[in-house]
Amino acid sequence: MLQTTKSQGEHPCYVKGCAGTRLRHSASNMIEAMSENRTAGGSMRRRRHTAKEHGPDPIDIHVGRQLRLARELAGLTQTDIGKQLSMSFQVVQKYEQGEIRVSASRLFQLATLLDKPVGYFFEGFEAAPDAPAAMARSEIDLVRAFRLIRSPEIRQCLQRLLQEIGGASSSIPTQTP
């Protein structure tokens, strides 16, 4: 197994070989040497799943979609979230697209900011694959407008009206806030 050495004055591409000799390697050779798939005992180990090679993990994509939905329902922009949590809007964008994983501490901060339980970001992950992936902009606007109605009676009337228009079964219980 090759070990990198970097003493004062040495170039970072010098590698100490098994016999103690120093070999000069290109950056690609170093990366290859450092990412060997063998453990110390010589047995093979499973390669790590990386977003670059294999695409984003389905859970990361789901968490990102939930983050975007919660952000839009709260009426916040990616920039608003970024400023409040001291990060760039690009990081929020990458979270939402599942390009980078949201750490546990950052997920907790996002949940607190968006007034959601941490579990919200995982809700519906086991849903059937034919289920709609995300709410359309018009649906989000409708929910936001509905939440602005203060009267429980008007909310209930609107809910019944929409169920009738949509042909929903009368067995669906109406919720009062």
Protein backbone atom coordinates (compact mmCIF):
# COMPACT_ATOMS: atom_id res chain seq x y z
CA MET A 1 0.00 0.00 0.00
CA LEU A 2 1.33 3.41 -0.89
CA GLN A 3 1.60 6.16 1.68
CA THR A 4 1.78 9.83 0.92
CA THR A 5 4.57 11.75 2.58
CA LYS A 6 4.92 15.47 2.75
CA SER A 7 7.84 16.69 4.70
CA GLN A 8 9.13 20.22 4.43
CA GLY A 9 10.34 20.97 0.93
CA GLU A 10 8.81 17.86 -0.66
CA HIS A 11 6.27 18.02 -3.40
CA PRO A 12 2.84 16.60 -2.40
CA CYS A 13 3.02 14.12 -5.30
CA TYR A 14 5.89 12.15 -3.75
CA VAL A 15 4.76 8.79 -2.47
CA LYS A 16 6.63 6.43 -0.21
CA GLY A 17 6.55 2.91 -1.61
CA CYS A 18 6.69 -0.42 0.21
CA ALA A 19 10.48 -0.62 0.10
CA GLY A 20 10.81 2.91 1.47
CA THR A 21 11.75 4.41 -1.90
CA ARG A 22 10.19 7.62 -3.03
CA LEU A 23 8.26 7.61 -6.27
CA ARG A 24 6.88 10.58 -8.14
CA HIS A 25 3.28 10.06 -9.21
CA SER A 26 0.88 12.12 -11.25
CA ALA A 27 -2.26 13.39 -9.57
CA SER A 28 -4.35 10.68 -11.24
CA ASN A 29 -1.98 7.95 -9.99
CA MET A 30 -2.19 9.36 -6.47
CA ILE A 31 -5.98 9.40 -6.55
CA GLU A 32 -5.97 5.82 -7.82
CA ALA A 33 -3.55 4.75 -5.09
CA MET A 34 -5.57 6.49 -2.39
CA SER A 35 -8.88 4.99 -3.52
CA GLU A 36 -7.80 1.37 -3.63
CA ASN A 37 -10.62 -1.01 -2.87
CA ARG A 38 -8.63 -3.24 -0.53
CA THR A 39 -8.70 -3.24 3.24
CA ALA A 40 -5.56 -3.66 5.34
CA GLY A 41 -6.06 -7.46 5.31
CA GLY A 42 -6.11 -7.54 1.52
CA SER A 43 -9.80 -8.44 1.11
CA MET A 44 -12.01 -6.51 -1.30
CA ARG A 45 -14.48 -3.99 0.09
CA ARG A 46 -17.51 -2.46 -1.55
CA ARG A 47 -16.90 0.82 -3.36
CA ARG A 48 -18.53 3.87 -1.88
CA HIS A 49 -21.67 5.20 -3.57
CA THR A 50 -20.89 8.67 -4.88
CA ALA A 51 -23.29 11.21 -6.33
CA LYS A 52 -20.80 12.03 -9.07
CA GLU A 53 -20.59 8.44 -10.36
CA HIS A 54 -23.99 7.02 -9.44
CA GLY A 55 -26.21 10.10 -9.20
CA PRO A 56 -27.89 11.45 -6.07
CA ASP A 57 -29.35 9.05 -3.54
CA PRO A 58 -33.17 8.79 -3.75
CA ILE A 59 -33.47 9.81 -0.08
CA ASP A 60 -31.43 12.98 -0.71
CA ILE A 61 -33.69 13.81 -3.65
CA HIS A 62 -36.80 13.26 -1.51
CA VAL A 63 -35.44 15.38 1.37
CA GLY A 64 -34.61 18.11 -1.16
CA ARG A 65 -38.13 18.05 -2.62
CA GLN A 66 -39.62 18.26 0.85
CA LEU A 67 -37.29 21.17 1.66
CA ARG A 68 -38.39 23.02 -1.46
CA LEU A 69 -42.06 22.38 -0.74
CA ALA A 70 -41.73 23.61 2.87
CA ARG A 71 -39.76 26.67 1.74
CA GLU A 72 -42.34 27.59 -0.92
CA LEU A 73 -45.25 27.02 1.46
CA ALA A 74 -43.54 29.35 3.93
CA GLY A 75 -43.18 31.95 1.18
CA LEU A 76 -39.39 32.07 1.45
CA THR A 77 -36.79 32.21 -1.30
CA GLN A 78 -33.56 30.25 -1.41
CA THR A 79 -31.79 33.52 -0.65
CA ASP A 80 -33.96 34.07 2.46
CA ILE A 81 -33.09 30.61 3.77
CA GLY A 82 -29.41 31.14 2.97
CA LYS A 83 -29.21 34.46 4.78
CA GLN A 84 -30.97 33.17 7.88
CA LEU A 85 -28.70 30.12 8.11
CA SER A 86 -25.47 31.86 6.97
CA MET A 87 -25.03 29.99 3.71
CA SER A 88 -25.35 30.86 0.03
CA PHE A 89 -28.53 30.37 -1.94
CA GLN A 90 -26.53 27.97 -4.14
CA VAL A 91 -26.13 25.58 -1.20
CA VAL A 92 -29.89 25.67 -0.61
CA GLN A 93 -30.38 25.03 -4.32
CA LYS A 94 -28.06 22.01 -4.20
CA TYR A 95 -29.90 20.67 -1.13
CA GLU A 96 -33.21 20.98 -2.97
CA GLN A 97 -31.86 19.17 -6.03
CA GLY A 98 -30.31 16.40 -3.94
CA GLU A 99 -26.84 17.23 -5.25
CA ILE A 100 -25.42 17.52 -1.74
CA ARG A 101 -26.60 15.88 1.44
CA VAL A 102 -28.16 17.83 4.25
CA SER A 103 -26.32 17.12 7.51
CA ALA A 104 -28.30 16.28 10.63
CA SER A 105 -27.49 19.62 12.27
CA ARG A 106 -28.42 21.57 9.12
CA LEU A 107 -31.63 19.55 8.75
CA PHE A 108 -32.55 20.48 12.32
CA GLN A 109 -31.87 24.17 11.58
CA LEU A 110 -34.00 24.01 8.42
CA ALA A 111 -36.82 22.25 10.27
CA THR A 112 -36.76 24.91 13.00
CA LEU A 113 -36.69 27.76 10.49
CA LEU A 114 -39.54 26.29 8.42
CA ASP A 115 -41.53 25.28 11.52
CA LYS A 116 -41.61 21.60 10.56
CA PRO A 117 -40.63 18.47 12.50
CA VAL A 118 -37.43 16.83 11.25
CA GLY A 119 -39.48 13.78 10.27
CA TYR A 120 -41.41 15.93 7.79
CA PHE A 121 -38.50 15.76 5.36
CA PHE A 122 -38.80 11.95 5.20
CA GLU A 123 -42.60 11.71 5.08
CA GLY A 124 -43.92 9.85 2.08
CA PHE A 125 -40.58 8.36 1.09
CA GLU A 126 -42.11 4.88 0.99
CA ALA A 127 -44.91 6.16 -1.24
CA ALA A 128 -45.72 4.32 -4.45
CA PRO A 129 -43.49 5.23 -7.39
CA ASP A 130 -46.50 6.44 -9.42
CA ALA A 131 -47.41 9.05 -6.79
CA PRO A 132 -46.94 12.66 -7.89
CA ALA A 133 -43.41 13.81 -7.07
CA ALA A 134 -44.11 17.41 -6.11
CA MET A 135 -46.88 19.94 -5.88
CA ALA A 136 -47.35 22.29 -8.81
CA ARG A 137 -46.90 26.04 -8.27
CA SER A 138 -50.68 26.59 -8.48
CA GLU A 139 -51.24 23.98 -5.74
CA ILE A 140 -48.69 25.65 -3.48
CA ASP A 141 -50.33 29.05 -4.08
CA LEU A 142 -53.73 27.54 -3.28
CA VAL A 143 -52.50 26.07 0.02
CA ARG A 144 -50.84 29.36 0.99
CA ALA A 145 -54.03 31.31 0.22
CA PHE A 146 -56.12 28.76 2.14
CA ARG A 147 -53.86 29.16 5.19
CA LEU A 148 -54.45 32.91 5.17
CA ILE A 149 -58.20 32.40 5.76
CA ARG A 150 -58.81 32.96 9.46
CA SER A 151 -62.42 31.75 9.68
CA PRO A 152 -62.74 28.00 10.34
CA GLU A 153 -66.26 28.07 8.90
CA ILE A 154 -65.11 29.53 5.58
CA ARG A 155 -62.24 27.04 5.44
CA GLN A 156 -64.65 24.17 5.99
CA CYS A 157 -67.05 25.49 3.32
CA LEU A 158 -64.21 25.86 0.82
CA GLN A 159 -62.97 22.37 1.58
CA ARG A 160 -66.44 20.90 1.00
CA LEU A 161 -66.85 22.93 -2.20
CA LEU A 162 -63.51 21.73 -3.57
CA GLN A 163 -64.33 18.13 -2.69
CA GLU A 164 -67.65 18.42 -4.54
CA ILE A 165 -66.05 20.03 -7.59
CA GLY A 166 -63.27 17.44 -7.62
CA GLY A 167 -65.75 14.58 -7.22
CA ALA A 168 -64.26 13.51 -3.91
CA SER A 169 -66.07 10.93 -1.87
CA SER A 170 -68.25 12.21 0.97
CA SER A 171 -66.45 9.72 3.17
CA ILE A 172 -63.40 11.99 3.30
CA PRO A 173 -63.47 13.70 6.70
CA THR A 174 -63.26 17.46 6.75
CA GLN A 175 -60.63 18.90 9.01
CA THR A 176 -61.04 21.96 11.12
CA PRO A 177 -57.86 23.85 12.01
